[in-house]
């Protein structure tokens, strides 16, 4: 049994019993009273009091034949002080016209450990923002953090990883941590993003603007490396790799993203590298019209979970990665222990194509990813790496696809040796 605890909510989630072939019913009790019955493997208890102890237990099965699978006393978090970004000295304006980057960043910088940056209803235009440890970003219902489509709003560039290769990329709309493949510690931790609002990027317009800008900046390089450019899927591939994500986490641990709408990053949406314990649930992730518009991408990360999330993405809903070609082999940091359950949408789950560091331990259940989606294991003979301990149960897919002849991202040197 795992849990996420806020000041007014406790969310419990647990692994499905793989040996069972029939639907299981769970009854959830709060202070001795049954408050919910569900066939899902998660439950949120809302409307709770802050800093209060609750007795919770869960029974599996019907009365007379139930089995108690969990029993614990859980205390909700203390009430957080809220920093309202629309109040002085910040005075952010949610009119979808005013650029609020400096105002919002000041509120984030002023947010002390255990406090909350609060964004009320309205649409707040912003460029790149950097979150820090031990804070909460709360977007109220009707609030939208809207990324601009202006390339300059995502400077400076930062060290990042895109399509398995480390390089300088534009800062994302929300950034956490500093990328360091040699650091097995964490540079940012204990961050919460929640509240019922939305976080949207600059979408296709920002994507096009970045590619145009980078094409001009790389003009001499591209002309001098025509053979490399021709080996790519199309001439835009190399300049496109500098695109920002919507939310970028590097060397981060203990992050919860809950009950927000996300989408329309200039490339991938939720991307985390060399990170641990990233939990996402109750979200909607959309990216139609955006090339490489993946939804949720664990990359050389471990102990990561997503559930109860709906996808309307232009590319993979979920793509599990660990680096590409020699760089991925040398860094050698696998993605391990990923749970995906009760997710739905029109696109699928991919293991790869960048998996040179290895994938070990993926469990997926109770998902419906149909239409153009499916369950894909994709790589190429250049990658090396391994995939092991993958379990899938009670899911509906549009396709099942396993291939070692994946045609995208085929530029670059091959791995020195192939591993099973």
Protein backbone atom coordinates (compact mmCIF):
# COMPACT_ATOMS: atom_id res chain seq x y z
CA UNK A 1 0.00 0.00 0.00
CA UNK A 2 1.26 3.45 -0.94
CA UNK A 3 -0.19 6.85 -0.12
CA UNK A 4 -0.08 10.56 -0.88
CA UNK A 5 -1.05 12.85 2.00
CA UNK A 6 -2.14 16.47 1.73
CA UNK A 7 -3.69 18.77 4.33
CA UNK A 8 -7.23 17.94 3.19
CA UNK A 9 -6.84 14.66 1.29
CA UNK A 10 -5.37 11.18 1.54
CA UNK A 11 -4.94 9.12 -1.62
CA UNK A 12 -4.21 5.41 -1.31
CA UNK A 13 -3.03 3.17 -4.15
CA UNK A 14 -1.94 -0.41 -4.30
CA UNK A 15 -0.82 -3.14 -6.68
CA UNK A 16 -3.38 -5.39 -8.30
CA UNK A 17 -3.28 -9.03 -7.28
CA UNK A 18 -1.82 -10.65 -10.37
CA UNK A 19 -3.07 -14.16 -9.58
CA UNK A 20 -6.73 -13.12 -9.62
CA UNK A 21 -8.73 -13.63 -12.82
CA UNK A 22 -11.97 -11.99 -11.64
CA UNK A 23 -12.83 -8.40 -10.74
CA UNK A 24 -12.01 -7.55 -7.14
CA UNK A 25 -14.08 -5.26 -4.92
CA UNK A 26 -12.44 -3.11 -2.26
CA UNK A 27 -14.23 -1.40 0.64
CA UNK A 28 -12.59 1.64 2.22
CA UNK A 29 -13.33 2.58 5.83
CA UNK A 30 -12.55 5.92 7.48
CA UNK A 31 -12.75 6.04 11.29
CA UNK A 32 -14.76 2.79 11.23
CA UNK A 33 -17.30 3.98 8.64
CA UNK A 34 -17.43 2.64 5.10
CA UNK A 35 -16.93 5.63 2.80
CA UNK A 36 -16.24 4.02 -0.57
CA UNK A 37 -16.44 0.80 -2.57
CA UNK A 38 -14.38 0.41 -5.69
CA UNK A 39 -12.99 -2.10 -8.17
CA UNK A 40 -10.04 0.20 -8.87
CA UNK A 41 -6.73 -0.02 -7.05
CA UNK A 42 -6.79 3.54 -5.77
CA UNK A 43 -9.04 5.75 -3.67
CA UNK A 44 -8.93 9.41 -2.63
CA UNK A 45 -10.44 10.50 0.68
CA UNK A 46 -11.23 14.22 0.41
CA UNK A 47 -12.70 16.96 2.59
CA UNK A 48 -10.48 16.05 5.53
CA UNK A 49 -9.22 18.30 8.31
CA UNK A 50 -5.60 19.43 8.33
CA UNK A 51 -3.17 17.96 10.87
CA UNK A 52 -5.69 15.33 11.97
CA UNK A 53 -5.20 11.61 12.54
CA UNK A 54 -7.56 9.25 10.71
CA UNK A 55 -8.01 5.51 11.09
CA UNK A 56 -8.17 3.87 7.66
CA UNK A 57 -8.60 0.28 6.62
CA UNK A 58 -9.37 -1.49 3.35
CA UNK A 59 -11.15 -4.82 2.95
CA UNK A 60 -10.84 -6.90 -0.20
CA UNK A 61 -13.93 -8.90 -1.20
CA UNK A 62 -17.55 -8.96 -0.04
CA UNK A 63 -18.87 -9.18 3.50
CA UNK A 64 -18.42 -12.66 4.91
CA UNK A 65 -15.48 -13.40 2.63
CA UNK A 66 -13.42 -10.24 2.92
CA UNK A 67 -9.70 -10.02 3.58
CA UNK A 68 -8.18 -6.94 5.20
CA UNK A 69 -5.32 -5.73 3.03
CA UNK A 70 -4.49 -2.50 4.82
CA UNK A 71 -4.97 -0.85 8.19
CA UNK A 72 -3.17 2.23 9.46
CA UNK A 73 -3.59 5.52 11.27
CA UNK A 74 -2.69 8.38 8.93
CA UNK A 75 -2.27 12.04 9.85
CA UNK A 76 -3.03 14.72 7.29
CA UNK A 77 -0.46 17.45 6.64
CA UNK A 78 -0.44 20.71 8.53
CA UNK A 79 -2.23 23.64 6.93
CA UNK A 80 0.11 25.49 4.59
CA UNK A 81 0.59 29.21 4.37
CA UNK A 82 -0.49 30.39 0.91
CA UNK A 83 1.31 32.99 -1.16
CA UNK A 84 -1.32 34.49 -3.48
CA UNK A 85 0.46 35.56 -6.67
CA UNK A 86 -2.16 38.23 -7.38
CA UNK A 87 -1.48 40.06 -4.10
CA UNK A 88 1.30 42.54 -3.34
CA UNK A 89 4.23 42.48 -3.80
CA UNK A 90 3.72 40.09 -6.75
CA UNK A 91 0.58 41.48 -8.43
CA UNK A 92 0.35 38.84 -11.16
CA UNK A 93 -2.46 39.45 -13.62
CA UNK A 94 -4.53 36.59 -15.04
CA UNK A 95 -5.76 38.38 -18.15
CA UNK A 96 -4.01 36.16 -20.75
CA UNK A 97 -2.13 39.29 -21.91
CA UNK A 98 0.26 40.35 -19.16
CA UNK A 99 3.63 38.57 -19.01
CA UNK A 100 3.98 37.36 -15.40
CA UNK A 101 7.29 35.46 -15.45
CA UNK A 102 9.18 37.70 -13.01
CA UNK A 103 6.19 38.09 -10.72
CA UNK A 104 5.57 34.35 -10.51
CA UNK A 105 9.26 33.55 -10.08
CA UNK A 106 9.49 36.04 -7.22
CA UNK A 107 6.57 34.32 -5.47
CA UNK A 108 8.24 30.92 -6.00
CA UNK A 109 11.56 32.22 -4.65
CA UNK A 110 9.81 33.68 -1.60
CA UNK A 111 7.99 30.40 -0.89
CA UNK A 112 9.48 28.87 2.26
CA UNK A 113 9.63 25.18 3.07
CA UNK A 114 6.11 23.89 3.66
CA UNK A 115 4.39 26.86 2.02
CA UNK A 116 2.24 27.08 -1.12
CA UNK A 117 2.36 29.34 -4.16
CA UNK A 118 -1.34 29.87 -4.88
CA UNK A 119 -2.63 30.77 -8.36
CA UNK A 120 -6.33 31.76 -8.36
CA UNK A 121 -8.68 31.64 -11.35
CA UNK A 122 -7.42 33.40 -14.46
CA UNK A 123 -4.95 32.80 -17.29
CA UNK A 124 -1.40 33.78 -16.39
CA UNK A 125 1.08 34.13 -19.25
CA UNK A 126 4.61 33.12 -18.33
CA UNK A 127 7.96 31.99 -19.61
CA UNK A 128 10.24 29.50 -17.87
CA UNK A 129 9.90 29.13 -14.10
CA UNK A 130 12.10 27.22 -11.67
CA UNK A 131 10.62 25.43 -8.67
CA UNK A 132 12.63 24.47 -5.60
CA UNK A 133 12.54 21.85 -2.86
CA UNK A 134 9.81 21.58 -0.22
CA UNK A 135 7.17 23.72 -1.92
CA UNK A 136 3.68 23.36 -3.37
CA UNK A 137 2.28 24.97 -6.51
CA UNK A 138 -1.52 25.11 -6.25
CA UNK A 139 -3.58 26.08 -9.29
CA UNK A 140 -7.17 26.66 -8.27
CA UNK A 141 -10.08 25.57 -10.42
CA UNK A 142 -10.25 27.98 -13.35
CA UNK A 143 -6.56 28.90 -13.10
CA UNK A 144 -4.27 28.34 -16.10
CA UNK A 145 -0.52 28.80 -16.16
CA UNK A 146 -0.06 29.49 -19.86
CA UNK A 147 3.37 29.30 -21.42
CA UNK A 148 4.13 31.87 -24.10
CA UNK A 149 5.18 31.01 -27.66
CA UNK A 150 8.21 33.32 -27.52
CA UNK A 151 11.57 31.50 -27.69
CA UNK A 152 13.36 34.17 -25.63
CA UNK A 153 11.05 33.46 -22.69
CA UNK A 154 12.71 30.04 -22.27
CA UNK A 155 16.29 31.25 -21.91
CA UNK A 156 18.80 30.49 -20.57
CA UNK A 157 19.30 27.08 -22.05
CA UNK A 158 19.94 24.31 -19.55
CA UNK A 159 21.62 20.93 -19.66
CA UNK A 160 18.93 18.41 -20.49
CA UNK A 161 18.37 15.08 -22.22
CA UNK A 162 16.16 14.71 -25.26
CA UNK A 163 15.64 11.53 -27.27
CA UNK A 164 18.36 9.87 -25.22
CA UNK A 165 21.14 12.43 -25.73
CA UNK A 166 22.44 15.02 -23.26
CA UNK A 167 22.55 18.52 -24.71
CA UNK A 168 21.64 22.14 -24.13
CA UNK A 169 17.89 22.70 -24.43
CA UNK A 170 15.64 25.64 -23.78
CA UNK A 171 14.30 25.81 -20.23
CA UNK A 172 10.88 24.24 -19.84
CA UNK A 173 7.82 26.04 -18.54
CA UNK A 174 8.35 24.40 -15.12
CA UNK A 175 11.85 23.25 -14.19
CA UNK A 176 13.14 21.28 -11.21
CA UNK A 177 16.67 20.20 -10.40
CA UNK A 178 19.96 20.20 -12.30
CA UNK A 179 20.91 17.42 -14.72
CA UNK A 180 24.01 15.44 -13.73
CA UNK A 181 24.36 11.85 -14.92
CA UNK A 182 27.21 11.28 -12.44
CA UNK A 183 25.19 12.42 -9.44
CA UNK A 184 23.16 9.64 -7.85
CA UNK A 185 21.75 12.10 -5.35
CA UNK A 186 19.01 14.66 -5.90
CA UNK A 187 19.12 18.40 -6.48
CA UNK A 188 15.44 19.08 -5.81
CA UNK A 189 12.89 17.17 -3.72
CA UNK A 190 9.48 17.19 -2.08
CA UNK A 191 7.49 19.24 -4.61
CA UNK A 192 3.71 19.17 -5.05
CA UNK A 193 1.76 20.46 -8.08
CA UNK A 194 -2.02 20.21 -7.73
CA UNK A 195 -5.32 22.01 -7.39
CA UNK A 196 -7.75 21.52 -10.29
CA UNK A 197 -6.31 24.12 -12.67
CA UNK A 198 -4.21 23.76 -15.82
CA UNK A 199 -0.62 24.10 -17.03
CA UNK A 200 -0.31 24.57 -20.79
CA UNK A 201 2.71 25.26 -22.96
CA UNK A 202 3.17 27.28 -26.11
CA UNK A 203 2.25 24.24 -28.21
CA UNK A 204 2.86 24.01 -31.93
CA UNK A 205 3.58 27.72 -32.28
CA UNK A 206 6.41 27.55 -29.76
CA UNK A 207 7.61 24.31 -31.37
CA UNK A 208 7.80 25.97 -34.79
CA UNK A 209 9.49 29.07 -33.36
CA UNK A 210 12.19 27.03 -31.60
CA UNK A 211 12.90 24.97 -34.73
CA UNK A 212 13.15 28.12 -36.85
CA UNK A 213 15.46 29.81 -34.33
CA UNK A 214 17.69 26.75 -33.91
CA UNK A 215 17.87 26.13 -37.64
CA UNK A 216 19.32 29.60 -38.09
CA UNK A 217 21.71 29.24 -35.11
CA UNK A 218 22.93 25.87 -36.42
CA UNK A 219 23.07 26.92 -40.06
CA UNK A 220 26.83 26.42 -40.47
CA UNK A 221 26.83 23.14 -38.53
CA UNK A 222 23.95 21.72 -40.56
CA UNK A 223 25.60 22.71 -43.84
CA UNK A 224 28.92 21.18 -42.79
CA UNK A 225 27.27 17.94 -41.64
CA UNK A 226 24.93 17.21 -44.52
CA UNK A 227 25.42 13.44 -44.19
CA UNK A 228 24.35 13.54 -40.55
CA UNK A 229 21.28 15.62 -41.42
CA UNK A 230 20.33 13.18 -44.19
CA UNK A 231 20.53 10.27 -41.75
CA UNK A 232 17.80 11.86 -39.63
CA UNK A 233 14.08 11.37 -40.19
CA UNK A 234 13.78 14.90 -41.60
CA UNK A 235 15.87 18.10 -41.68
CA UNK A 236 14.12 19.48 -38.58
CA UNK A 237 15.26 16.70 -36.22
CA UNK A 238 18.53 18.22 -35.01
CA UNK A 239 17.25 21.77 -34.39
CA UNK A 240 14.07 20.32 -32.85
CA UNK A 241 16.04 18.57 -30.11
CA UNK A 242 16.55 21.86 -28.29
CA UNK A 243 12.83 22.22 -27.61
CA UNK A 244 11.70 22.71 -24.02
CA UNK A 245 9.38 20.31 -22.26
CA UNK A 246 6.26 21.42 -20.38
CA UNK A 247 7.58 20.11 -17.03
CA UNK A 248 11.22 19.09 -16.80
CA UNK A 249 12.68 17.30 -13.75
CA UNK A 250 16.37 16.40 -13.52
CA UNK A 251 17.92 14.59 -10.53
CA UNK A 252 14.71 15.08 -8.56
CA UNK A 253 12.89 12.96 -5.99
CA UNK A 254 9.49 12.89 -4.29
CA UNK A 255 7.27 14.89 -6.65
CA UNK A 256 3.47 14.63 -6.78
CA UNK A 257 1.45 16.00 -9.71
CA UNK A 258 -2.24 15.65 -8.91
CA UNK A 259 -5.58 16.66 -10.42
CA UNK A 260 -4.36 19.21 -12.96
CA UNK A 261 -4.74 19.45 -16.72
CA UNK A 262 -1.42 19.45 -18.55
CA UNK A 263 -0.39 19.77 -22.13
CA UNK A 264 0.83 21.47 -25.26
CA UNK A 265 4.49 21.56 -24.42
CA UNK A 266 6.70 22.23 -27.43
CA UNK A 267 7.74 18.56 -27.27
CA UNK A 268 7.25 16.11 -24.40
CA UNK A 269 5.06 17.18 -21.51
CA UNK A 270 6.12 15.55 -18.22
CA UNK A 271 9.76 14.43 -18.53
CA UNK A 272 11.99 13.32 -15.66
CA UNK A 273 15.59 12.11 -15.83
CA UNK A 274 17.72 10.47 -13.11
CA UNK A 275 14.78 10.93 -10.76
CA UNK A 276 12.93 8.88 -8.15
CA UNK A 277 9.41 8.62 -6.77
CA UNK A 278 7.50 10.75 -9.25
CA UNK A 279 3.75 10.20 -8.75
CA UNK A 280 1.15 11.54 -11.20
CA UNK A 281 -2.61 10.94 -10.89
CA UNK A 282 -6.02 12.39 -11.58
CA UNK A 283 -4.65 14.37 -14.53
CA UNK A 284 -5.48 15.06 -18.16
CA UNK A 285 -2.57 15.34 -20.59
CA UNK A 286 -3.14 16.68 -24.11
CA UNK A 287 -0.81 17.54 -27.00
CA UNK A 288 -2.67 17.16 -30.28
CA UNK A 289 -0.87 18.92 -33.11
CA UNK A 290 2.55 18.81 -31.43
CA UNK A 291 5.28 16.69 -33.02
CA UNK A 292 6.83 14.35 -30.38
CA UNK A 293 3.98 15.35 -28.07
CA UNK A 294 4.53 12.54 -25.55
CA UNK A 295 2.56 12.71 -22.33
CA UNK A 296 4.61 11.22 -19.45
CA UNK A 297 8.23 10.11 -19.89
CA UNK A 298 10.27 8.45 -17.14
CA UNK A 299 13.90 8.47 -18.30
CA UNK A 300 16.63 6.62 -16.36
CA UNK A 301 14.39 7.02 -13.31
CA UNK A 302 12.96 4.66 -10.71
CA UNK A 303 9.92 4.06 -8.51
CA UNK A 304 7.57 6.13 -10.67
CA UNK A 305 3.78 5.82 -10.81
CA UNK A 306 0.96 7.19 -12.95
CA UNK A 307 -2.71 6.34 -12.56
CA UNK A 308 -6.22 7.65 -13.20
CA UNK A 309 -5.00 9.83 -16.06
CA UNK A 310 -6.54 10.55 -19.47
CA UNK A 311 -4.37 11.17 -22.53
CA UNK A 312 -5.10 12.97 -25.80
CA UNK A 313 -1.56 13.07 -27.11
CA UNK A 314 -0.12 13.41 -30.60
CA UNK A 315 2.57 10.84 -29.78
CA UNK A 316 3.02 8.23 -27.05
CA UNK A 317 0.86 8.71 -23.99
CA UNK A 318 3.67 7.19 -21.93
CA UNK A 319 7.22 6.49 -23.13
CA UNK A 320 9.67 4.73 -20.82
CA UNK A 321 13.29 5.54 -21.69
CA UNK A 322 16.91 5.17 -20.50
CA UNK A 323 19.28 6.79 -22.99
CA UNK A 324 20.46 6.10 -26.50
CA UNK A 325 23.36 4.37 -28.22
CA UNK A 326 26.88 4.67 -26.70
CA UNK A 327 25.94 7.51 -24.35
CA UNK A 328 23.09 5.49 -22.86
CA UNK A 329 25.34 2.44 -22.47
CA UNK A 330 28.13 4.41 -20.80
CA UNK A 331 25.85 6.33 -18.43
CA UNK A 332 24.18 2.96 -17.75
CA UNK A 333 21.30 4.18 -15.61
CA UNK A 334 18.18 2.06 -16.18
CA UNK A 335 14.57 2.95 -15.59
CA UNK A 336 13.25 0.68 -12.84
CA UNK A 337 9.96 -0.03 -11.10
CA UNK A 338 7.29 1.84 -13.05
CA UNK A 339 3.58 1.42 -12.30
CA UNK A 340 0.95 2.42 -14.88
CA UNK A 341 -2.72 1.73 -14.07
CA UNK A 342 -6.24 2.99 -14.68
CA UNK A 343 -5.08 5.19 -17.58
CA UNK A 344 -7.08 5.80 -20.74
CA UNK A 345 -6.83 7.55 -24.07
CA UNK A 346 -6.18 7.32 -27.77
CA UNK A 347 -2.44 6.67 -27.66
CA UNK A 348 -0.34 3.97 -26.05
CA UNK A 349 2.57 3.02 -23.85
CA UNK A 350 6.04 2.59 -25.35
CA UNK A 351 9.10 0.98 -23.85
CA UNK A 352 11.81 2.75 -25.84
CA UNK A 353 12.87 3.60 -28.30
CA UNK A 354 15.75 5.00 -26.25
CA UNK A 355 16.50 2.14 -23.85
CA UNK A 356 20.27 1.69 -23.98
CA UNK A 357 20.53 2.01 -20.19
CA UNK A 358 17.99 -0.78 -19.69
CA UNK A 359 14.38 -1.08 -18.52
CA UNK A 360 13.73 -3.28 -15.48
CA UNK A 361 10.32 -3.68 -13.89
CA UNK A 362 7.21 -2.27 -15.54
CA UNK A 363 3.77 -3.20 -14.22
CA UNK A 364 0.66 -2.08 -16.04
CA UNK A 365 -2.97 -2.94 -15.34
CA UNK A 366 -6.55 -1.78 -15.90
CA UNK A 367 -5.73 0.58 -18.78
CA UNK A 368 -7.68 1.30 -21.96
CA UNK A 369 -5.37 2.82 -24.58
CA UNK A 370 -7.07 2.16 -27.88
CA UNK A 371 -7.45 3.78 -31.29
CA UNK A 372 -3.95 4.64 -32.53
CA UNK A 373 -2.48 3.54 -29.21
CA UNK A 374 -1.19 0.26 -27.94
CA UNK A 375 1.64 -1.39 -26.10
CA UNK A 376 4.92 -0.93 -27.94
CA UNK A 377 8.40 -2.25 -27.30
CA UNK A 378 10.56 -0.44 -29.79
CA UNK A 379 14.28 -0.16 -30.29
CA UNK A 380 16.91 -0.51 -33.01
CA UNK A 381 20.04 -2.56 -33.47
CA UNK A 382 22.13 0.47 -32.52
CA UNK A 383 20.73 0.69 -29.01
CA UNK A 384 22.04 -2.19 -26.89
CA UNK A 385 20.48 -2.36 -23.44
CA UNK A 386 17.82 -4.74 -22.11
CA UNK A 387 14.15 -5.00 -21.17
CA UNK A 388 13.06 -7.35 -18.39
CA UNK A 389 10.37 -7.96 -15.78
CA UNK A 390 7.45 -6.43 -17.67
CA UNK A 391 3.93 -7.43 -16.58
CA UNK A 392 0.66 -6.33 -18.18
CA UNK A 393 -2.81 -7.38 -16.98
CA UNK A 394 -6.42 -6.50 -17.82
CA UNK A 395 -5.62 -3.83 -20.42
CA UNK A 396 -7.18 -2.95 -23.77
CA UNK A 397 -4.89 -1.86 -26.60
CA UNK A 398 -5.33 -0.84 -30.20
CA UNK A 399 -2.06 -2.58 -31.16
CA UNK A 400 0.71 -4.75 -29.83
CA UNK A 401 4.02 -3.95 -31.48
CA UNK A 402 7.46 -5.34 -30.72
CA UNK A 403 10.28 -4.38 -33.06
CA UNK A 404 14.05 -4.08 -33.23
CA UNK A 405 13.84 -2.24 -36.56
CA UNK A 406 12.51 1.07 -35.30
CA UNK A 407 13.17 3.67 -37.97
CA UNK A 408 13.20 6.93 -35.99
CA UNK A 409 16.21 8.49 -34.23
CA UNK A 410 18.56 6.31 -36.22
CA UNK A 411 21.36 8.88 -36.48
CA UNK A 412 24.49 8.62 -34.32
CA UNK A 413 26.99 5.87 -33.61
CA UNK A 414 25.78 2.41 -32.61
CA UNK A 415 26.36 0.84 -29.22
CA UNK A 416 29.74 -0.89 -28.96
CA UNK A 417 28.20 -4.21 -27.97
CA UNK A 418 24.68 -5.57 -27.80
CA UNK A 419 23.39 -6.80 -24.46
CA UNK A 420 20.40 -9.03 -23.97
